[in-house]
Each structure stands twice: as structure tokens, then as C-alpha cells.
Amino acid sequence: MTLHLGQNSPLPASPEEAVLDYVPNPRPGRQYLVRFVSPEFTSLCPVTGQPDFAHLVIDYVPGDTIVESKSLKLFLGSFRNHAAFHEDCTVGIGERLAEEMKPEWLRIGGYWYPRGGIPIDVFWQTGAPPADLWLPDQGVPSYRGRG
């Protein structure tokens, strides 16, 4: 049962308050990859309070459940007023999804835009990808500035 799908759901005040909905995997026993891309992810710098921006790519191989996309959107949006370092946001999102959904495999790439002139890319995964998995490149080039 989902709490958000088809409902008027306000943006949660924090990631801790966000509820992620999971539904049964529609193709149990089949190995396939699910990719979510959030090209306009935002959070706050815990030191300055200034906004930080990232392009997130979440790849996973479902186990018994899949994450419902509206609840994921609300969860990611709840970081808008959350103060945390890039590493904490990226790894925390991956760990929460892995802990609650229990996918066969999950990885997250956080491609953060520069602050102070230094872009930070953060990567986390639950382990080695399954054998014979079609695993496309995340498609996000290294930051090159204006040219």
C-alpha cells in the first residue's frame, strides 16, 4: 500500500520525516536495472547555509520490492532545507534505500556542482554488481566548467 501515489502529499520537512513507499516487484525472479536520475537535487551547506546542487543517479536491481517514484521524489525534495555535507547526503540516500527496500544491488552517484571552486563527486554501492547485469555508464561527465 502506498501513502503518496494518487494523494496530495506535501514536501516533508526533513529526510527523517519522509516516508518512502515500496510496492511489490512486478517482475520477481528477473534481473533488471532500475535507474532514477535527479538532475536538480539540492541541499544546504552545514557550515554556511548556502545551497548545494547535485546531479544524482540511483541504479538498483530490485529484490522483492521497488521504490514508488513519487515517494522517492518527495524524499529527495526533503533535502532542500537539510544541512549536510555532500558525502552524508549521497551515502545516506543510498543506505536508506538499501536498508528499507533490500534490493539485490544498489549504487548511487552524486555529481556535485562546485562550491569554492571544487566539484565533489561521491559514489557508493552495496557491493559488486550482479554477474551478467547490463549496467550502463551513469552518463555524467566530470565537471569541466564552461568549456
C-alpha atoms as a PDB file:
ATOM      1  CA  MET A   1       0.000   0.000   0.000  1.00  0.00           C
ATOM      2  CA  THR A   2       1.312   3.425  -0.891  1.00  0.00           C
ATOM      3  CA  LEU A   3       0.845   6.569   1.099  1.00  0.00           C
ATOM      4  CA  HIS A   4       1.637   9.084  -1.645  1.00  0.00           C
ATOM      5  CA  LEU A   5       0.556   7.765  -5.046  1.00  0.00           C
ATOM      6  CA  GLY A   6      -2.656   9.473  -6.110  1.00  0.00           C
ATOM      7  CA  GLN A   7      -2.667  11.650  -2.993  1.00  0.00           C
ATOM      8  CA  ASN A   8      -1.909  15.305  -2.350  1.00  0.00           C
ATOM      9  CA  SER A   9       1.376  14.888  -0.475  1.00  0.00           C
ATOM     10  CA  PRO A  10       3.254  17.913   0.871  1.00  0.00           C
ATOM     11  CA  LEU A  11       7.037  18.023   0.768  1.00  0.00           C
ATOM     12  CA  PRO A  12       8.387  16.517   4.014  1.00  0.00           C
ATOM     13  CA  ALA A  13      10.183  18.960   6.314  1.00  0.00           C
ATOM     14  CA  SER A  14      13.255  16.699   6.558  1.00  0.00           C
ATOM     15  CA  PRO A  15      14.633  13.424   5.188  1.00  0.00           C
ATOM     16  CA  GLU A  16      13.927  11.806   8.561  1.00  0.00           C
ATOM     17  CA  GLU A  17      10.220  12.696   8.264  1.00  0.00           C
ATOM     18  CA  ALA A  18       9.983  11.484   4.662  1.00  0.00           C
ATOM     19  CA  VAL A  19       8.196   8.175   4.142  1.00  0.00           C
ATOM     20  CA  LEU A  20       9.349   6.042   1.242  1.00  0.00           C
ATOM     21  CA  ASP A  21       6.719   3.764  -0.271  1.00  0.00           C
ATOM     22  CA  TYR A  22       7.601   0.352  -1.665  1.00  0.00           C
ATOM     23  CA  VAL A  23       5.468  -1.863  -3.868  1.00  0.00           C
ATOM     24  CA  PRO A  24       5.906  -5.479  -4.908  1.00  0.00           C
ATOM     25  CA  ASN A  25       8.407  -6.080  -7.685  1.00  0.00           C
ATOM     26  CA  PRO A  26       6.260  -6.602 -10.818  1.00  0.00           C
ATOM     27  CA  ARG A  27       8.904  -8.937 -12.301  1.00  0.00           C
ATOM     28  CA  PRO A  28      10.126 -11.068  -9.381  1.00  0.00           C
ATOM     29  CA  GLY A  29      12.879 -13.519 -10.234  1.00  0.00           C
ATOM     30  CA  ARG A  30      14.061 -11.431 -13.184  1.00  0.00           C
ATOM     31  CA  GLN A  31      17.296  -9.471 -13.097  1.00  0.00           C
ATOM     32  CA  TYR A  32      16.831  -5.936 -14.386  1.00  0.00           C
ATOM     33  CA  LEU A  33      18.176  -2.491 -13.625  1.00  0.00           C
ATOM     34  CA  VAL A  34      16.099   0.485 -12.483  1.00  0.00           C
ATOM     35  CA  ARG A  35      17.599   3.977 -12.833  1.00  0.00           C
ATOM     36  CA  PHE A  36      16.375   7.194 -11.228  1.00  0.00           C
ATOM     37  CA  VAL A  37      18.004  10.495 -12.157  1.00  0.00           C
ATOM     38  CA  SER A  38      17.605  13.682 -10.144  1.00  0.00           C
ATOM     39  CA  PRO A  39      19.456  16.397 -12.110  1.00  0.00           C
ATOM     40  CA  GLU A  40      18.376  19.242  -9.814  1.00  0.00           C
ATOM     41  CA  PHE A  41      18.956  17.826  -6.319  1.00  0.00           C
ATOM     42  CA  THR A  42      19.527  20.469  -3.640  1.00  0.00           C
ATOM     43  CA  SER A  43      20.609  20.559  -0.019  1.00  0.00           C
ATOM     44  CA  LEU A  44      22.262  23.123   2.248  1.00  0.00           C
ATOM     45  CA  CYS A  45      25.876  23.515   3.278  1.00  0.00           C
ATOM     46  CA  PRO A  46      26.003  22.705   7.007  1.00  0.00           C
ATOM     47  CA  VAL A  47      28.597  25.439   7.605  1.00  0.00           C
ATOM     48  CA  THR A  48      27.390  28.408   5.523  1.00  0.00           C
ATOM     49  CA  GLY A  49      23.731  27.530   4.953  1.00  0.00           C
ATOM     50  CA  GLN A  50      24.203  28.211   1.242  1.00  0.00           C
ATOM     51  CA  PRO A  51      22.508  25.902  -1.279  1.00  0.00           C
ATOM     52  CA  ASP A  52      24.391  22.981  -2.795  1.00  0.00           C
ATOM     53  CA  PHE A  53      23.336  21.411  -6.089  1.00  0.00           C
ATOM     54  CA  ALA A  54      23.919  17.922  -7.451  1.00  0.00           C
ATOM     55  CA  HIS A  55      23.002  15.572 -10.257  1.00  0.00           C
ATOM     56  CA  LEU A  56      22.130  12.241  -8.613  1.00  0.00           C
ATOM     57  CA  VAL A  57      21.934   8.893 -10.393  1.00  0.00           C
ATOM     58  CA  ILE A  58      20.476   5.929  -8.484  1.00  0.00           C
ATOM     59  CA  ASP A  59      20.727   2.462 -10.037  1.00  0.00           C
ATOM     60  CA  TYR A  60      19.346  -0.679  -8.436  1.00  0.00           C
ATOM     61  CA  VAL A  61      18.411  -4.277  -9.124  1.00  0.00           C
ATOM     62  CA  PRO A  62      15.089  -4.954  -7.376  1.00  0.00           C
ATOM     63  CA  GLY A  63      14.612  -7.684  -4.837  1.00  0.00           C
ATOM     64  CA  ASP A  64      11.063  -8.263  -3.601  1.00  0.00           C
ATOM     65  CA  THR A  65      10.068  -4.583  -3.854  1.00  0.00           C
ATOM     66  CA  ILE A  66      10.610  -1.431  -5.896  1.00  0.00           C
ATOM     67  CA  VAL A  67      10.532   2.128  -4.587  1.00  0.00           C
ATOM     68  CA  GLU A  68       7.488   4.148  -5.649  1.00  0.00           C
ATOM     69  CA  SER A  69       8.733   7.135  -7.653  1.00  0.00           C
ATOM     70  CA  LYS A  70       6.527   9.855  -6.122  1.00  0.00           C
ATOM     71  CA  SER A  71       7.668   8.962  -2.612  1.00  0.00           C
ATOM     72  CA  LEU A  72      11.288   8.981  -3.837  1.00  0.00           C
ATOM     73  CA  LYS A  73      10.754  12.423  -5.376  1.00  0.00           C
ATOM     74  CA  LEU A  74       9.357  13.722  -2.076  1.00  0.00           C
ATOM     75  CA  PHE A  75      12.210  12.124  -0.118  1.00  0.00           C
ATOM     76  CA  LEU A  76      14.834  13.713  -2.371  1.00  0.00           C
ATOM     77  CA  GLY A  77      12.998  17.045  -2.225  1.00  0.00           C
ATOM     78  CA  SER A  78      13.075  16.946   1.581  1.00  0.00           C
ATOM     79  CA  PHE A  79      16.817  17.604   1.428  1.00  0.00           C
ATOM     80  CA  ARG A  80      16.144  21.128   0.128  1.00  0.00           C
ATOM     81  CA  ASN A  81      16.295  22.532   3.682  1.00  0.00           C
ATOM     82  CA  HIS A  82      18.576  19.829   5.104  1.00  0.00           C
ATOM     83  CA  ALA A  83      22.093  20.858   6.092  1.00  0.00           C
ATOM     84  CA  ALA A  84      24.632  18.117   5.407  1.00  0.00           C
ATOM     85  CA  PHE A  85      27.891  17.583   3.583  1.00  0.00           C
ATOM     86  CA  HIS A  86      27.817  16.092   0.074  1.00  0.00           C
ATOM     87  CA  GLU A  87      29.168  12.774   1.319  1.00  0.00           C
ATOM     88  CA  ASP A  88      26.494  12.473   4.003  1.00  0.00           C
ATOM     89  CA  CYS A  89      23.638  13.252   1.604  1.00  0.00           C
ATOM     90  CA  THR A  90      24.805  10.877  -1.131  1.00  0.00           C
ATOM     91  CA  VAL A  91      25.729   7.905   1.053  1.00  0.00           C
ATOM     92  CA  GLY A  92      22.736   8.467   3.369  1.00  0.00           C
ATOM     93  CA  ILE A  93      20.279   8.278   0.458  1.00  0.00           C
ATOM     94  CA  GLY A  94      21.873   5.065  -0.785  1.00  0.00           C
ATOM     95  CA  GLU A  95      21.979   3.474   2.657  1.00  0.00           C
ATOM     96  CA  ARG A  96      18.344   4.303   3.429  1.00  0.00           C
ATOM     97  CA  LEU A  97      17.116   2.853   0.142  1.00  0.00           C
ATOM     98  CA  ALA A  98      19.268  -0.257   0.572  1.00  0.00           C
ATOM     99  CA  GLU A  99      18.161  -0.778   4.183  1.00  0.00           C
ATOM    100  CA  GLU A 100      14.431  -0.334   3.561  1.00  0.00           C
ATOM    101  CA  MET A 101      13.990  -1.755   0.050  1.00  0.00           C
ATOM    102  CA  LYS A 102      16.584  -4.533   0.280  1.00  0.00           C
ATOM    103  CA  PRO A 103      17.483  -4.561  -3.416  1.00  0.00           C
ATOM    104  CA  GLU A 104      19.764  -7.212  -4.850  1.00  0.00           C
ATOM    105  CA  TRP A 105      22.194  -4.382  -5.616  1.00  0.00           C
ATOM    106  CA  LEU A 106      22.207  -0.588  -5.476  1.00  0.00           C
ATOM    107  CA  ARG A 107      24.601   2.203  -6.370  1.00  0.00           C
ATOM    108  CA  ILE A 108      24.331   5.977  -6.194  1.00  0.00           C
ATOM    109  CA  GLY A 109      26.455   8.594  -7.901  1.00  0.00           C
ATOM    110  CA  GLY A 110      26.336  12.136  -6.540  1.00  0.00           C
ATOM    111  CA  TYR A 111      27.831  14.607  -9.003  1.00  0.00           C
ATOM    112  CA  TRP A 112      28.003  17.841  -7.018  1.00  0.00           C
ATOM    113  CA  TYR A 113      28.457  21.231  -8.620  1.00  0.00           C
ATOM    114  CA  PRO A 114      31.442  23.306  -7.464  1.00  0.00           C
ATOM    115  CA  ARG A 115      31.463  25.319  -4.265  1.00  0.00           C
ATOM    116  CA  GLY A 116      34.679  27.134  -3.551  1.00  0.00           C
ATOM    117  CA  GLY A 117      35.916  26.080  -6.982  1.00  0.00           C
ATOM    118  CA  ILE A 118      35.970  22.336  -6.280  1.00  0.00           C
ATOM    119  CA  PRO A 119      33.360  19.904  -7.586  1.00  0.00           C
ATOM    120  CA  ILE A 120      32.871  16.833  -5.405  1.00  0.00           C
ATOM    121  CA  ASP A 121      31.662  13.512  -6.795  1.00  0.00           C
ATOM    122  CA  VAL A 122      30.525  10.876  -4.277  1.00  0.00           C
ATOM    123  CA  PHE A 123      29.882   7.223  -5.143  1.00  0.00           C
ATOM    124  CA  TRP A 124      28.500   4.396  -3.003  1.00  0.00           C
ATOM    125  CA  GLN A 125      27.244   0.895  -3.715  1.00  0.00           C
ATOM    126  CA  THR A 126      26.118  -2.119  -1.758  1.00  0.00           C
ATOM    127  CA  GLY A 127      28.761  -4.417  -3.285  1.00  0.00           C
ATOM    128  CA  ALA A 128      29.801  -5.805  -6.642  1.00  0.00           C
ATOM    129  CA  PRO A 129      27.078  -5.684  -9.296  1.00  0.00           C
ATOM    130  CA  PRO A 130      25.381  -8.976 -10.152  1.00  0.00           C
ATOM    131  CA  ALA A 131      27.004 -11.062 -12.879  1.00  0.00           C
ATOM    132  CA  ASP A 132      25.624 -10.536 -16.393  1.00  0.00           C
ATOM    133  CA  LEU A 133      23.841  -7.299 -15.402  1.00  0.00           C
ATOM    134  CA  TRP A 134      23.514  -4.747 -18.187  1.00  0.00           C
ATOM    135  CA  LEU A 135      24.975  -1.780 -16.340  1.00  0.00           C
ATOM    136  CA  PRO A 136      25.159   1.348 -18.489  1.00  0.00           C
ATOM    137  CA  ASP A 137      27.549   4.130 -17.571  1.00  0.00           C
ATOM    138  CA  GLN A 138      25.826   6.769 -15.446  1.00  0.00           C
ATOM    139  CA  GLY A 139      26.431   9.223 -18.284  1.00  0.00           C
ATOM    140  CA  VAL A 140      27.508  12.191 -16.188  1.00  0.00           C
ATOM    141  CA  PRO A 141      30.804  13.641 -17.386  1.00  0.00           C
ATOM    142  CA  SER A 142      33.369  15.034 -14.993  1.00  0.00           C
ATOM    143  CA  TYR A 143      32.836  18.723 -14.323  1.00  0.00           C
ATOM    144  CA  ARG A 144      34.553  20.860 -16.944  1.00  0.00           C
ATOM    145  CA  GLY A 145      33.259  24.326 -16.185  1.00  0.00           C
ATOM    146  CA  ARG A 146      32.242  26.392 -19.191  1.00  0.00           C
ATOM    147  CA  GLY A 147      34.216  24.533 -21.798  1.00  0.00           C
END
